[in-house]
Amino acid sequence: MPEVTIAYASGAPCWVDLMTNDQLAALDFYRDLFGWQGQAGLAESGGYAVCELGGKAVAGIAPAPPPVSVAEGTSARPALWISYLATADAEATQDAITAAGGTLLIPVMDGGALGRMLLARDPQGAVFGVWQPGEFSGAQVVDEPGALVRSELHTGDVRGATRFYQEVFGIGIERAPGTVSRWDLQAGGRTVASVTLLDGDPPHTPAHWLTCFAVDDVDSTVDALVKRDGTVRTAPFDTPAGRMSVVRDPQGALLALLKPPAP
């Protein structure tokens, strides 16, 4: 299991968590799907659950904020997987986000000794988080079945989006080999995420960060997801990155399942 033993570079996706309207149901669902172990946290920490795989932290699951009141009544917030990008200084990154045209959703807040975080929206509308590590650097295992394997930014304006992340985090960009519509984000001397146009998404899909989890077998995992009331947005298909399917969990959160090609 490839454990993460070095610090995440600035701008690299270092953690993911799920904001969901039924935390206990989500914990059950992902335990069955990926083999995660986790339970709701203490009230003083907002009930935040850190899920583990083989005793190593892989993702968080948190209760969504209170519903938003609308004219017709009360509307629950949609479930959402959020990608967190690493920084050494959350305050400075917050200033850089607003200077580059981004919008703050949750200003910098302390997570105790673990670290500091904020939530924001880039100028194209994609929601992302920022994590400044303290005692906790982020995901402790990646690139294994049940763990984060890939992060994709889907946007309608690649030039504008990449300019924003370059200005905020100092990361680089180059066209992915053998493609015409996919770019690689570079941090710490390696590819940490990809950027793609929304052309391949269903009409009217907003800009978003797509969280991809590794699985041993995409097709059988999709079958298991459907039996547990998940839905399939994109049936399994082959890509240069491996076999993949884009799905929604029972509460509507979008994620991808990916089996990378053999080394």
C-alpha atoms as a PDB file:
ATOM      1  CA  MET A   1       0.000   0.000   0.000  1.00  0.00           C
ATOM      2  CA  PRO A   2       1.724   3.288  -1.109  1.00  0.00           C
ATOM      3  CA  GLU A   3       1.725   5.353   2.057  1.00  0.00           C
ATOM      4  CA  VAL A   4       2.351   9.081   1.768  1.00  0.00           C
ATOM      5  CA  THR A   5       5.622   9.816   3.545  1.00  0.00           C
ATOM      6  CA  ILE A   6       6.500  13.279   2.197  1.00  0.00           C
ATOM      7  CA  ALA A   7       4.722  16.612   2.494  1.00  0.00           C
ATOM      8  CA  TYR A   8       2.229  17.513  -0.203  1.00  0.00           C
ATOM      9  CA  ALA A   9       3.476  20.242  -2.544  1.00  0.00           C
ATOM     10  CA  SER A  10       1.632  23.568  -2.655  1.00  0.00           C
ATOM     11  CA  GLY A  11      -1.416  23.195  -4.903  1.00  0.00           C
ATOM     12  CA  ALA A  12      -1.449  19.403  -4.784  1.00  0.00           C
ATOM     13  CA  PRO A  13      -4.734  17.697  -3.815  1.00  0.00           C
ATOM     14  CA  CYS A  14      -3.978  16.405  -0.329  1.00  0.00           C
ATOM     15  CA  TRP A  15      -7.376  15.486   1.126  1.00  0.00           C
ATOM     16  CA  VAL A  16     -10.995  14.922   0.122  1.00  0.00           C
ATOM     17  CA  ASP A  17     -14.144  14.988   2.157  1.00  0.00           C
ATOM     18  CA  LEU A  18     -17.832  14.488   1.584  1.00  0.00           C
ATOM     19  CA  MET A  19     -20.434  16.990   2.749  1.00  0.00           C
ATOM     20  CA  THR A  20     -23.606  14.945   3.058  1.00  0.00           C
ATOM     21  CA  ASN A  21     -27.122  15.238   4.449  1.00  0.00           C
ATOM     22  CA  ASP A  22     -27.087  11.754   6.038  1.00  0.00           C
ATOM     23  CA  GLN A  23     -23.665  11.084   7.480  1.00  0.00           C
ATOM     24  CA  LEU A  24     -24.457   7.693   8.990  1.00  0.00           C
ATOM     25  CA  ALA A  25     -25.925   6.394   5.722  1.00  0.00           C
ATOM     26  CA  ALA A  26     -22.869   7.675   3.865  1.00  0.00           C
ATOM     27  CA  LEU A  27     -20.511   5.960   6.302  1.00  0.00           C
ATOM     28  CA  ASP A  28     -22.371   2.676   5.752  1.00  0.00           C
ATOM     29  CA  PHE A  29     -22.371   3.094   1.973  1.00  0.00           C
ATOM     30  CA  TYR A  30     -18.651   3.769   1.625  1.00  0.00           C
ATOM     31  CA  ARG A  31     -17.758   1.070   4.140  1.00  0.00           C
ATOM     32  CA  ASP A  32     -19.563  -1.443   1.943  1.00  0.00           C
ATOM     33  CA  LEU A  33     -18.209  -0.003  -1.330  1.00  0.00           C
ATOM     34  CA  PHE A  34     -14.558   0.657  -0.430  1.00  0.00           C
ATOM     35  CA  GLY A  35     -14.008  -1.112   2.883  1.00  0.00           C
ATOM     36  CA  TRP A  36     -13.551   2.136   4.814  1.00  0.00           C
ATOM     37  CA  GLN A  37     -13.719   2.240   8.588  1.00  0.00           C
ATOM     38  CA  GLY A  38     -14.994   5.393  10.277  1.00  0.00           C
ATOM     39  CA  GLN A  39     -17.578   6.755  12.646  1.00  0.00           C
ATOM     40  CA  ALA A  40     -19.138  10.122  13.424  1.00  0.00           C
ATOM     41  CA  GLY A  41     -16.824  12.344  15.437  1.00  0.00           C
ATOM     42  CA  LEU A  42     -17.404  14.362  18.569  1.00  0.00           C
ATOM     43  CA  ALA A  43     -19.956  17.172  18.606  1.00  0.00           C
ATOM     44  CA  GLU A  44     -17.248  19.772  19.297  1.00  0.00           C
ATOM     45  CA  SER A  45     -15.600  18.820  15.995  1.00  0.00           C
ATOM     46  CA  GLY A  46     -18.901  19.094  14.116  1.00  0.00           C
ATOM     47  CA  GLY A  47     -19.280  15.315  14.026  1.00  0.00           C
ATOM     48  CA  TYR A  48     -16.534  15.059  11.377  1.00  0.00           C
ATOM     49  CA  ALA A  49     -15.604  11.456  10.561  1.00  0.00           C
ATOM     50  CA  VAL A  50     -12.155  10.468   9.333  1.00  0.00           C
ATOM     51  CA  CYS A  51     -12.397   7.264   7.304  1.00  0.00           C
ATOM     52  CA  GLU A  52      -9.500   4.841   7.244  1.00  0.00           C
ATOM     53  CA  LEU A  53      -8.306   2.076   4.978  1.00  0.00           C
ATOM     54  CA  GLY A  54      -5.959  -0.394   6.629  1.00  0.00           C
ATOM     55  CA  GLY A  55      -5.627   1.984   9.570  1.00  0.00           C
ATOM     56  CA  LYS A  56      -4.586   4.945   7.357  1.00  0.00           C
ATOM     57  CA  ALA A  57      -6.712   8.055   6.767  1.00  0.00           C
ATOM     58  CA  VAL A  58      -8.132   8.263   3.239  1.00  0.00           C
ATOM     59  CA  ALA A  59     -11.110  10.658   3.332  1.00  0.00           C
ATOM     60  CA  GLY A  60     -13.522  12.538   5.557  1.00  0.00           C
ATOM     61  CA  ILE A  61     -17.317  12.460   5.775  1.00  0.00           C
ATOM     62  CA  ALA A  62     -19.067  15.414   7.383  1.00  0.00           C
ATOM     63  CA  PRO A  63     -22.666  16.437   8.035  1.00  0.00           C
ATOM     64  CA  ALA A  64     -23.744  19.131   5.598  1.00  0.00           C
ATOM     65  CA  PRO A  65     -24.460  22.612   6.983  1.00  0.00           C
ATOM     66  CA  PRO A  66     -28.090  23.362   7.923  1.00  0.00           C
ATOM     67  CA  PRO A  67     -30.568  23.509   5.025  1.00  0.00           C
ATOM     68  CA  VAL A  68     -31.018  26.742   3.132  1.00  0.00           C
ATOM     69  CA  SER A  69     -34.435  28.394   3.426  1.00  0.00           C
ATOM     70  CA  VAL A  70     -36.028  29.290   0.102  1.00  0.00           C
ATOM     71  CA  ALA A  71     -39.332  30.830  -0.881  1.00  0.00           C
ATOM     72  CA  GLU A  72     -40.973  27.442  -1.373  1.00  0.00           C
ATOM     73  CA  GLY A  73     -39.794  26.077   1.946  1.00  0.00           C
ATOM     74  CA  THR A  74     -36.531  24.415   2.945  1.00  0.00           C
ATOM     75  CA  SER A  75     -33.967  23.041   0.546  1.00  0.00           C
ATOM     76  CA  ALA A  76     -31.225  20.667   1.651  1.00  0.00           C
ATOM     77  CA  ARG A  77     -27.720  21.327   0.386  1.00  0.00           C
ATOM     78  CA  PRO A  78     -26.623  18.797  -2.232  1.00  0.00           C
ATOM     79  CA  ALA A  79     -24.061  16.198  -1.189  1.00  0.00           C
ATOM     80  CA  LEU A  80     -20.619  17.111  -2.514  1.00  0.00           C
ATOM     81  CA  TRP A  81     -17.110  15.658  -2.611  1.00  0.00           C
ATOM     82  CA  ILE A  82     -14.581  18.443  -1.998  1.00  0.00           C
ATOM     83  CA  SER A  83     -10.911  18.367  -3.006  1.00  0.00           C
ATOM     84  CA  TYR A  84      -8.464  20.186  -0.708  1.00  0.00           C
ATOM     85  CA  LEU A  85      -5.275  21.685  -2.118  1.00  0.00           C
ATOM     86  CA  ALA A  86      -2.191  21.949   0.075  1.00  0.00           C
ATOM     87  CA  THR A  87      -0.673  25.219   1.232  1.00  0.00           C
ATOM     88  CA  ALA A  88       1.978  26.278   3.711  1.00  0.00           C
ATOM     89  CA  ASP A  89       0.049  29.456   4.625  1.00  0.00           C
ATOM     90  CA  ALA A  90      -3.741  29.452   4.589  1.00  0.00           C
ATOM     91  CA  GLU A  91      -4.022  33.183   5.289  1.00  0.00           C
ATOM     92  CA  ALA A  92      -1.786  34.104   2.366  1.00  0.00           C
ATOM     93  CA  THR A  93      -3.628  31.670   0.114  1.00  0.00           C
ATOM     94  CA  GLN A  94      -6.950  33.185   1.157  1.00  0.00           C
ATOM     95  CA  ASP A  95      -5.689  36.629   0.125  1.00  0.00           C
ATOM     96  CA  ALA A  96      -4.407  35.221  -3.166  1.00  0.00           C
ATOM     97  CA  ILE A  97      -7.772  33.592  -3.911  1.00  0.00           C
ATOM     98  CA  THR A  98      -9.699  36.840  -3.606  1.00  0.00           C
ATOM     99  CA  ALA A  99      -7.019  38.799  -5.489  1.00  0.00           C
ATOM    100  CA  ALA A 100      -7.260  36.313  -8.383  1.00  0.00           C
ATOM    101  CA  GLY A 101     -11.054  36.568  -8.593  1.00  0.00           C
ATOM    102  CA  GLY A 102     -12.103  33.623  -6.443  1.00  0.00           C
ATOM    103  CA  THR A 103     -14.861  33.696  -3.822  1.00  0.00           C
ATOM    104  CA  LEU A 104     -14.520  32.659  -0.188  1.00  0.00           C
ATOM    105  CA  LEU A 105     -17.211  30.295   1.094  1.00  0.00           C
ATOM    106  CA  ILE A 106     -15.672  29.577   4.511  1.00  0.00           C
ATOM    107  CA  PRO A 107     -12.771  31.846   5.562  1.00  0.00           C
ATOM    108  CA  VAL A 108      -9.706  30.384   7.223  1.00  0.00           C
ATOM    109  CA  MET A 109     -10.608  28.440  10.328  1.00  0.00           C
ATOM    110  CA  ASP A 110      -8.517  26.429  12.767  1.00  0.00           C
ATOM    111  CA  GLY A 111      -8.741  22.678  13.030  1.00  0.00           C
ATOM    112  CA  GLY A 112      -6.855  22.631  16.306  1.00  0.00           C
ATOM    113  CA  ALA A 113      -3.438  21.037  16.194  1.00  0.00           C
ATOM    114  CA  LEU A 114      -4.366  19.202  12.977  1.00  0.00           C
ATOM    115  CA  GLY A 115      -4.141  22.253  10.726  1.00  0.00           C
ATOM    116  CA  ARG A 116      -6.127  25.115   9.152  1.00  0.00           C
ATOM    117  CA  MET A 117      -8.614  25.102   6.286  1.00  0.00           C
ATOM    118  CA  LEU A 118     -10.857  27.217   4.101  1.00  0.00           C
ATOM    119  CA  LEU A 119     -13.402  26.638   1.352  1.00  0.00           C
ATOM    120  CA  ALA A 120     -13.606  28.708  -1.826  1.00  0.00           C
ATOM    121  CA  ARG A 121     -14.995  28.843  -5.333  1.00  0.00           C
ATOM    122  CA  ASP A 122     -12.771  29.552  -8.325  1.00  0.00           C
ATOM    123  CA  PRO A 123     -13.818  32.189 -10.911  1.00  0.00           C
ATOM    124  CA  GLN A 124     -15.395  29.496 -13.098  1.00  0.00           C
ATOM    125  CA  GLY A 125     -17.514  28.188 -10.192  1.00  0.00           C
ATOM    126  CA  ALA A 126     -15.680  25.045  -9.034  1.00  0.00           C
ATOM    127  CA  VAL A 127     -15.686  24.573  -5.241  1.00  0.00           C
ATOM    128  CA  PHE A 128     -12.418  23.534  -3.600  1.00  0.00           C
ATOM    129  CA  GLY A 129     -10.801  23.484  -0.202  1.00  0.00           C
ATOM    130  CA  VAL A 130      -7.395  24.566   1.064  1.00  0.00           C
ATOM    131  CA  TRP A 131      -5.507  22.725   3.799  1.00  0.00           C
ATOM    132  CA  GLN A 132      -2.536  24.013   5.780  1.00  0.00           C
ATOM    133  CA  PRO A 133      -1.128  21.017   7.633  1.00  0.00           C
ATOM    134  CA  GLY A 134      -0.329  20.946  11.307  1.00  0.00           C
ATOM    135  CA  GLU A 135      -0.078  17.479  12.796  1.00  0.00           C
ATOM    136  CA  PHE A 136      -2.185  16.120   9.920  1.00  0.00           C
ATOM    137  CA  SER A 137      -0.818  16.452   6.385  1.00  0.00           C
ATOM    138  CA  GLY A 138      -3.707  14.833   4.520  1.00  0.00           C
ATOM    139  CA  ALA A 139      -4.446  11.473   2.972  1.00  0.00           C
ATOM    140  CA  GLN A 140      -2.029   8.905   4.365  1.00  0.00           C
ATOM    141  CA  VAL A 141      -2.465   6.430   1.532  1.00  0.00           C
ATOM    142  CA  VAL A 142      -3.246   6.981  -2.158  1.00  0.00           C
ATOM    143  CA  ASP A 143      -3.269   5.094  -5.467  1.00  0.00           C
ATOM    144  CA  GLU A 144      -4.655   1.907  -3.930  1.00  0.00           C
ATOM    145  CA  PRO A 145      -8.163   0.413  -4.259  1.00  0.00           C
ATOM    146  CA  GLY A 146     -10.453   2.444  -2.022  1.00  0.00           C
ATOM    147  CA  ALA A 147      -8.119   5.469  -1.928  1.00  0.00           C
ATOM    148  CA  LEU A 148      -7.788   8.687  -3.908  1.00  0.00           C
ATOM    149  CA  VAL A 149      -6.069   8.045  -7.214  1.00  0.00           C
ATOM    150  CA  ARG A 150      -6.806  11.090  -9.380  1.00  0.00           C
ATOM    151  CA  SER A 151      -8.242  14.603  -9.160  1.00  0.00           C
ATOM    152  CA  GLU A 152      -9.808  16.299 -12.190  1.00  0.00           C
ATOM    153  CA  LEU A 153     -10.913  19.893 -12.599  1.00  0.00           C
ATOM    154  CA  HIS A 154     -13.758  20.127 -15.134  1.00  0.00           C
ATOM    155  CA  THR A 155     -14.208  23.687 -16.367  1.00  0.00           C
ATOM    156  CA  GLY A 156     -15.650  25.704 -19.218  1.00  0.00           C
ATOM    157  CA  ASP A 157     -12.599  27.996 -19.330  1.00  0.00           C
ATOM    158  CA  VAL A 158      -9.303  26.156 -19.140  1.00  0.00           C
ATOM    159  CA  ARG A 159      -7.195  29.253 -19.696  1.00  0.00           C
ATOM    160  CA  GLY A 160      -8.971  31.229 -16.978  1.00  0.00           C
ATOM    161  CA  ALA A 161      -9.053  28.322 -14.529  1.00  0.00           C
ATOM    162  CA  THR A 162      -5.406  27.409 -14.896  1.00  0.00           C
ATOM    163  CA  ARG A 163      -4.365  31.061 -14.640  1.00  0.00           C
ATOM    164  CA  PHE A 164      -6.242  31.231 -11.322  1.00  0.00           C
ATOM    165  CA  TYR A 165      -4.567  28.149  -9.819  1.00  0.00           C
ATOM    166  CA  GLN A 166      -1.177  29.265 -11.105  1.00  0.00           C
ATOM    167  CA  GLU A 167      -1.577  32.662  -9.437  1.00  0.00           C
ATOM    168  CA  VAL A 168      -2.878  31.241  -6.155  1.00  0.00           C
ATOM    169  CA  PHE A 169      -0.642  28.184  -5.714  1.00  0.00           C
ATOM    170  CA  GLY A 170       2.238  28.713  -8.129  1.00  0.00           C
ATOM    171  CA  ILE A 171       1.585  25.439  -9.931  1.00  0.00           C
ATOM    172  CA  GLY A 172       2.455  24.810 -13.562  1.00  0.00           C
ATOM    173  CA  ILE A 173       0.435  23.486 -16.473  1.00  0.00           C
ATOM    174  CA  GLU A 174       1.196  21.523 -19.627  1.00  0.00           C
ATOM    175  CA  ARG A 175      -0.890  19.649 -22.164  1.00  0.00           C
ATOM    176  CA  ALA A 176      -1.344  15.994 -21.294  1.00  0.00           C
ATOM    177  CA  PRO A 177       0.568  13.749 -23.715  1.00  0.00           C
ATOM    178  CA  GLY A 178      -1.490  12.425 -26.624  1.00  0.00           C
ATOM    179  CA  THR A 179      -4.557  14.583 -25.896  1.00  0.00           C
ATOM    180  CA  VAL A 180      -6.120  17.733 -27.303  1.00  0.00           C
ATOM    181  CA  SER A 181      -8.474  18.699 -24.471  1.00  0.00           C
ATOM    182  CA  ARG A 182      -6.737  17.698 -21.239  1.00  0.00           C
ATOM    183  CA  TRP A 183      -4.010  19.506 -19.332  1.00  0.00           C
ATOM    184  CA  ASP A 184      -1.844  18.460 -16.394  1.00  0.00           C
ATOM    185  CA  LEU A 185      -1.318  20.573 -13.286  1.00  0.00           C
ATOM    186  CA  GLN A 186       2.266  20.318 -12.048  1.00  0.00           C
ATOM    187  CA  ALA A 187       3.422  20.820  -8.450  1.00  0.00           C
ATOM    188  CA  GLY A 188       6.555  19.665  -6.703  1.00  0.00           C
ATOM    189  CA  GLY A 189       7.957  18.327  -9.959  1.00  0.00           C
ATOM    190  CA  ARG A 190       5.095  15.941 -10.726  1.00  0.00           C
ATOM    191  CA  THR A 191       1.579  15.854 -12.134  1.00  0.00           C
ATOM    192  CA  VAL A 192      -0.913  16.301  -9.290  1.00  0.00           C
ATOM    193  CA  ALA A 193      -4.211  16.825 -11.126  1.00  0.00           C
ATOM    194  CA  SER A 194      -5.716  17.219 -14.573  1.00  0.00           C
ATOM    195  CA  VAL A 195      -7.871  19.904 -16.151  1.00  0.00           C
ATOM    196  CA  THR A 196     -10.428  19.130 -18.818  1.00  0.00           C
ATOM    197  CA  LEU A 197     -13.159  21.000 -20.650  1.00  0.00           C
ATOM    198  CA  LEU A 198     -16.774  20.414 -19.671  1.00  0.00           C
ATOM    199  CA  ASP A 199     -17.496  19.291 -23.240  1.00  0.00           C
ATOM    200  CA  GLY A 200     -17.542  15.649 -22.125  1.00  0.00           C
ATOM    201  CA  ASP A 201     -19.974  16.273 -19.267  1.00  0.00           C
ATOM    202  CA  PRO A 202     -23.763  16.351 -19.596  1.00  0.00           C
ATOM    203  CA  PRO A 203     -25.231  19.701 -20.733  1.00  0.00           C
ATOM    204  CA  HIS A 204     -25.460  22.380 -18.040  1.00  0.00           C
ATOM    205  CA  THR A 205     -22.968  20.627 -15.733  1.00  0.00           C
ATOM    206  CA  PRO A 206     -21.254  23.310 -13.628  1.00  0.00           C
ATOM    207  CA  ALA A 207     -17.498  23.532 -13.166  1.00  0.00           C
ATOM    208  CA  HIS A 208     -16.326  21.086 -10.510  1.00  0.00           C
ATOM    209  CA  TRP A 209     -13.465  19.086  -9.065  1.00  0.00           C
ATOM    210  CA  LEU A 210     -14.052  15.377  -9.681  1.00  0.00           C
ATOM    211  CA  THR A 211     -12.712  12.979  -7.046  1.00  0.00           C
ATOM    212  CA  CYS A 212     -11.527   9.649  -8.478  1.00  0.00           C
ATOM    213  CA  PHE A 213     -11.092   6.580  -6.271  1.00  0.00           C
ATOM    214  CA  ALA A 214      -9.120   3.527  -7.337  1.00  0.00           C
ATOM    215  CA  VAL A 215     -10.880   0.162  -7.544  1.00  0.00           C
ATOM    216  CA  ASP A 216      -9.803  -3.349  -8.521  1.00  0.00           C
ATOM    217  CA  ASP A 217     -12.631  -3.779 -11.032  1.00  0.00           C
ATOM    218  CA  VAL A 218     -14.697  -0.827 -12.273  1.00  0.00           C
ATOM    219  CA  ASP A 219     -17.566  -2.867 -13.710  1.00  0.00           C
ATOM    220  CA  SER A 220     -18.146  -4.977 -10.614  1.00  0.00           C
ATOM    221  CA  THR A 221     -17.831  -1.922  -8.344  1.00  0.00           C
ATOM    222  CA  VAL A 222     -20.450  -0.126 -10.443  1.00  0.00           C
ATOM    223  CA  ASP A 223     -22.752  -3.139 -10.040  1.00  0.00           C
ATOM    224  CA  ALA A 224     -22.226  -3.057  -6.269  1.00  0.00           C
ATOM    225  CA  LEU A 225     -22.883   0.689  -6.178  1.00  0.00           C
ATOM    226  CA  VAL A 226     -26.175   0.332  -8.065  1.00  0.00           C
ATOM    227  CA  LYS A 227     -27.309  -2.443  -5.680  1.00  0.00           C
ATOM    228  CA  ARG A 228     -26.700   0.014  -2.830  1.00  0.00           C
ATOM    229  CA  ASP A 229     -28.886   2.679  -4.512  1.00  0.00           C
ATOM    230  CA  GLY A 230     -26.113   4.606  -6.221  1.00  0.00           C
ATOM    231  CA  THR A 231     -26.598   5.729  -9.827  1.00  0.00           C
ATOM    232  CA  VAL A 232     -24.420   5.686 -12.925  1.00  0.00           C
ATOM    233  CA  ARG A 233     -23.845   8.930 -14.788  1.00  0.00           C
ATOM    234  CA  THR A 234     -21.263   7.544 -17.227  1.00  0.00           C
ATOM    235  CA  ALA A 235     -21.053   3.801 -17.839  1.00  0.00           C
ATOM    236  CA  PRO A 236     -17.579   2.212 -17.596  1.00  0.00           C
ATOM    237  CA  PHE A 237     -15.317   3.254 -20.457  1.00  0.00           C
ATOM    238  CA  ASP A 238     -11.629   3.014 -21.305  1.00  0.00           C
ATOM    239  CA  THR A 239      -9.329   6.056 -21.172  1.00  0.00           C
ATOM    240  CA  PRO A 240      -5.558   6.568 -21.345  1.00  0.00           C
ATOM    241  CA  ALA A 241      -5.688   6.843 -17.522  1.00  0.00           C
ATOM    242  CA  GLY A 242      -7.459   3.481 -17.192  1.00  0.00           C
ATOM    243  CA  ARG A 243     -10.973   2.109 -17.107  1.00  0.00           C
ATOM    244  CA  MET A 244     -13.353   4.584 -15.503  1.00  0.00           C
ATOM    245  CA  SER A 245     -16.965   5.286 -14.576  1.00  0.00           C
ATOM    246  CA  VAL A 246     -18.566   8.468 -13.219  1.00  0.00           C
ATOM    247  CA  VAL A 247     -21.256   7.745 -10.627  1.00  0.00           C
ATOM    248  CA  ARG A 248     -23.354   9.296  -7.884  1.00  0.00           C
ATOM    249  CA  ASP A 249     -23.755   7.926  -4.377  1.00  0.00           C
ATOM    250  CA  PRO A 250     -27.289   7.472  -2.950  1.00  0.00           C
ATOM    251  CA  GLN A 251     -27.358  11.101  -1.777  1.00  0.00           C
ATOM    252  CA  GLY A 252     -26.280  12.459  -5.144  1.00  0.00           C
ATOM    253  CA  ALA A 253     -22.580  13.184  -4.593  1.00  0.00           C
ATOM    254  CA  LEU A 254     -20.564  12.856  -7.808  1.00  0.00           C
ATOM    255  CA  LEU A 255     -17.391  10.738  -7.852  1.00  0.00           C
ATOM    256  CA  ALA A 256     -15.434   8.546 -10.250  1.00  0.00           C
ATOM    257  CA  LEU A 257     -14.195   4.972 -10.072  1.00  0.00           C
ATOM    258  CA  LEU A 258     -10.912   4.263 -11.816  1.00  0.00           C
ATOM    259  CA  LYS A 259      -8.742   1.214 -12.416  1.00  0.00           C
ATOM    260  CA  PRO A 260      -5.372   2.520 -13.647  1.00  0.00           C
ATOM    261  CA  PRO A 261      -3.555   0.480 -16.307  1.00  0.00           C
ATOM    262  CA  ALA A 262      -1.078  -2.098 -15.109  1.00  0.00           C
ATOM    263  CA  PRO A 263       2.457  -0.689 -14.641  1.00  0.00           C
END
